[in-house]
Amino acid sequence: RFFAVGAVLGSMVQMLTEQPSVRLLKHIIRCYLRLSDNPRAREALRQCLPEQLRDPNFTACLKDDVTTRRWLAQLLMNVGHGGDNNNGLSQPPLPGGH
């Protein structure tokens, strides 16, 4: 079952490269994040998570969506890709530089 869901989500991400939709991307990220809560699914996601989700150019449309950026950062941490340049999702420094 996981692989069927993963295949559909992966094809949807691929479709977003041709027809971008912030709303759909948000739902896809949330689905992947929920899947990553399951230890077996998390292991599989390490192999099959679409590269586009690690590409800051692809996810740049989320720049104003703090919640979805947080979900994506959590997803990448869950599957062990949190150190990959943090996907350009680092939070801006606090005022005052502290």
C-alpha atoms as a PDB file:
ATOM      1  CA  ARG A   1       0.000   0.000   0.000  1.00  0.00           C
ATOM      2  CA  PHE A   2       2.760   2.455   0.886  1.00  0.00           C
ATOM      3  CA  PHE A   3       4.394   2.073  -2.510  1.00  0.00           C
ATOM      4  CA  ALA A   4       1.083   2.753  -4.286  1.00  0.00           C
ATOM      5  CA  VAL A   5       0.594   5.940  -2.255  1.00  0.00           C
ATOM      6  CA  GLY A   6       4.252   6.884  -2.741  1.00  0.00           C
ATOM      7  CA  ALA A   7       3.996   6.360  -6.486  1.00  0.00           C
ATOM      8  CA  VAL A   8       0.900   8.553  -6.751  1.00  0.00           C
ATOM      9  CA  LEU A   9       2.445  11.314  -4.613  1.00  0.00           C
ATOM     10  CA  GLY A  10       5.661  11.100  -6.640  1.00  0.00           C
ATOM     11  CA  SER A  11       3.790  11.437  -9.917  1.00  0.00           C
ATOM     12  CA  MET A  12       1.882  14.410  -8.501  1.00  0.00           C
ATOM     13  CA  VAL A  13       5.166  16.108  -7.575  1.00  0.00           C
ATOM     14  CA  GLN A  14       6.403  15.423 -11.111  1.00  0.00           C
ATOM     15  CA  MET A  15       3.224  16.980 -12.469  1.00  0.00           C
ATOM     16  CA  LEU A  16       3.869  20.086 -10.361  1.00  0.00           C
ATOM     17  CA  THR A  17       7.107  20.678 -12.264  1.00  0.00           C
ATOM     18  CA  GLU A  18       4.961  21.243 -15.354  1.00  0.00           C
ATOM     19  CA  GLN A  19       1.888  22.833 -13.738  1.00  0.00           C
ATOM     20  CA  PRO A  20       2.821  24.429 -10.391  1.00  0.00           C
ATOM     21  CA  SER A  21       0.191  24.652  -7.661  1.00  0.00           C
ATOM     22  CA  VAL A  22       1.148  25.900  -4.203  1.00  0.00           C
ATOM     23  CA  ARG A  23      -2.050  24.522  -2.730  1.00  0.00           C
ATOM     24  CA  LEU A  24      -1.445  21.024  -4.101  1.00  0.00           C
ATOM     25  CA  LEU A  25       2.227  21.112  -3.052  1.00  0.00           C
ATOM     26  CA  LYS A  26       1.144  21.981   0.486  1.00  0.00           C
ATOM     27  CA  HIS A  27      -1.161  18.941   0.624  1.00  0.00           C
ATOM     28  CA  ILE A  28       1.499  16.655  -0.857  1.00  0.00           C
ATOM     29  CA  ILE A  29       4.084  17.786   1.710  1.00  0.00           C
ATOM     30  CA  ARG A  30       1.575  17.189   4.499  1.00  0.00           C
ATOM     31  CA  CYS A  31       0.890  13.658   3.181  1.00  0.00           C
ATOM     32  CA  TYR A  32       4.599  12.852   3.033  1.00  0.00           C
ATOM     33  CA  LEU A  33       5.063  14.274   6.536  1.00  0.00           C
ATOM     34  CA  ARG A  34       2.299  12.055   7.918  1.00  0.00           C
ATOM     35  CA  LEU A  35       3.791   9.030   6.150  1.00  0.00           C
ATOM     36  CA  SER A  36       7.155   9.828   7.718  1.00  0.00           C
ATOM     37  CA  ASP A  37       5.585   9.353  11.167  1.00  0.00           C
ATOM     38  CA  ASN A  38       5.586   5.607  10.490  1.00  0.00           C
ATOM     39  CA  PRO A  39       9.061   4.057  10.993  1.00  0.00           C
ATOM     40  CA  ARG A  40       8.767   1.621   8.052  1.00  0.00           C
ATOM     41  CA  ALA A  41       7.419   4.300   5.727  1.00  0.00           C
ATOM     42  CA  ARG A  42      10.176   6.675   6.865  1.00  0.00           C
ATOM     43  CA  GLU A  43      12.793   4.125   5.820  1.00  0.00           C
ATOM     44  CA  ALA A  44      11.179   3.766   2.403  1.00  0.00           C
ATOM     45  CA  LEU A  45      10.895   7.545   1.987  1.00  0.00           C
ATOM     46  CA  ARG A  46      14.656   7.822   2.397  1.00  0.00           C
ATOM     47  CA  GLN A  47      14.879   6.077  -0.971  1.00  0.00           C
ATOM     48  CA  CYS A  48      11.854   7.393  -2.841  1.00  0.00           C
ATOM     49  CA  LEU A  49      11.219  10.972  -1.687  1.00  0.00           C
ATOM     50  CA  PRO A  50      11.173  13.108  -4.848  1.00  0.00           C
ATOM     51  CA  GLU A  51      14.332  15.160  -5.389  1.00  0.00           C
ATOM     52  CA  GLN A  52      12.193  18.190  -6.186  1.00  0.00           C
ATOM     53  CA  LEU A  53      11.249  18.470  -2.508  1.00  0.00           C
ATOM     54  CA  ARG A  54      14.936  19.037  -1.720  1.00  0.00           C
ATOM     55  CA  ASP A  55      15.336  21.630  -4.466  1.00  0.00           C
ATOM     56  CA  PRO A  56      15.065  25.222  -3.170  1.00  0.00           C
ATOM     57  CA  ASN A  57      14.110  26.418  -6.658  1.00  0.00           C
ATOM     58  CA  PHE A  58      11.157  24.017  -6.762  1.00  0.00           C
ATOM     59  CA  THR A  59       9.971  24.914  -3.243  1.00  0.00           C
ATOM     60  CA  ALA A  60      10.597  28.675  -3.554  1.00  0.00           C
ATOM     61  CA  CYS A  61       6.846  29.160  -4.005  1.00  0.00           C
ATOM     62  CA  LEU A  62       6.519  28.352  -0.287  1.00  0.00           C
ATOM     63  CA  LYS A  63       8.539  31.376   0.803  1.00  0.00           C
ATOM     64  CA  ASP A  64       5.486  33.083   2.324  1.00  0.00           C
ATOM     65  CA  ASP A  65       3.948  29.910   3.788  1.00  0.00           C
ATOM     66  CA  VAL A  66       5.682  29.458   7.127  1.00  0.00           C
ATOM     67  CA  THR A  67       3.614  26.430   8.139  1.00  0.00           C
ATOM     68  CA  THR A  68       4.309  24.447   4.983  1.00  0.00           C
ATOM     69  CA  ARG A  69       8.007  25.395   5.078  1.00  0.00           C
ATOM     70  CA  ARG A  70       8.098  24.040   8.624  1.00  0.00           C
ATOM     71  CA  TRP A  71       6.368  20.825   7.510  1.00  0.00           C
ATOM     72  CA  LEU A  72       8.861  20.391   4.687  1.00  0.00           C
ATOM     73  CA  ALA A  73      11.828  21.019   6.979  1.00  0.00           C
ATOM     74  CA  GLN A  74      10.420  18.459   9.449  1.00  0.00           C
ATOM     75  CA  LEU A  75       9.855  15.941   6.644  1.00  0.00           C
ATOM     76  CA  LEU A  76      13.425  16.319   5.425  1.00  0.00           C
ATOM     77  CA  MET A  77      14.728  15.910   8.971  1.00  0.00           C
ATOM     78  CA  ASN A  78      12.555  12.827   9.505  1.00  0.00           C
ATOM     79  CA  VAL A  79      13.900  11.102   6.417  1.00  0.00           C
ATOM     80  CA  GLY A  80      17.479  12.121   7.095  1.00  0.00           C
ATOM     81  CA  HIS A  81      17.876  14.921   4.553  1.00  0.00           C
ATOM     82  CA  GLY A  82      17.726  17.747   7.092  1.00  0.00           C
ATOM     83  CA  GLY A  83      21.383  18.618   6.615  1.00  0.00           C
ATOM     84  CA  ASP A  84      21.072  19.025   2.844  1.00  0.00           C
ATOM     85  CA  ASN A  85      21.470  22.789   2.797  1.00  0.00           C
ATOM     86  CA  ASN A  86      18.260  22.866   4.864  1.00  0.00           C
ATOM     87  CA  ASN A  87      16.509  23.248   1.513  1.00  0.00           C
ATOM     88  CA  GLY A  88      16.823  27.004   1.752  1.00  0.00           C
ATOM     89  CA  LEU A  89      14.211  26.883   4.499  1.00  0.00           C
ATOM     90  CA  SER A  90      16.198  28.370   7.325  1.00  0.00           C
ATOM     91  CA  GLN A  91      14.322  30.941   9.315  1.00  0.00           C
ATOM     92  CA  PRO A  92      15.480  34.556   9.009  1.00  0.00           C
ATOM     93  CA  PRO A  93      17.527  35.848  11.950  1.00  0.00           C
ATOM     94  CA  LEU A  94      15.679  37.504  14.775  1.00  0.00           C
ATOM     95  CA  PRO A  95      15.703  41.297  14.862  1.00  0.00           C
ATOM     96  CA  GLY A  96      18.771  42.508  16.710  1.00  0.00           C
ATOM     97  CA  GLY A  97      20.883  39.641  15.350  1.00  0.00           C
ATOM     98  CA  HIS A  98      20.689  37.508  18.531  1.00  0.00           C
END
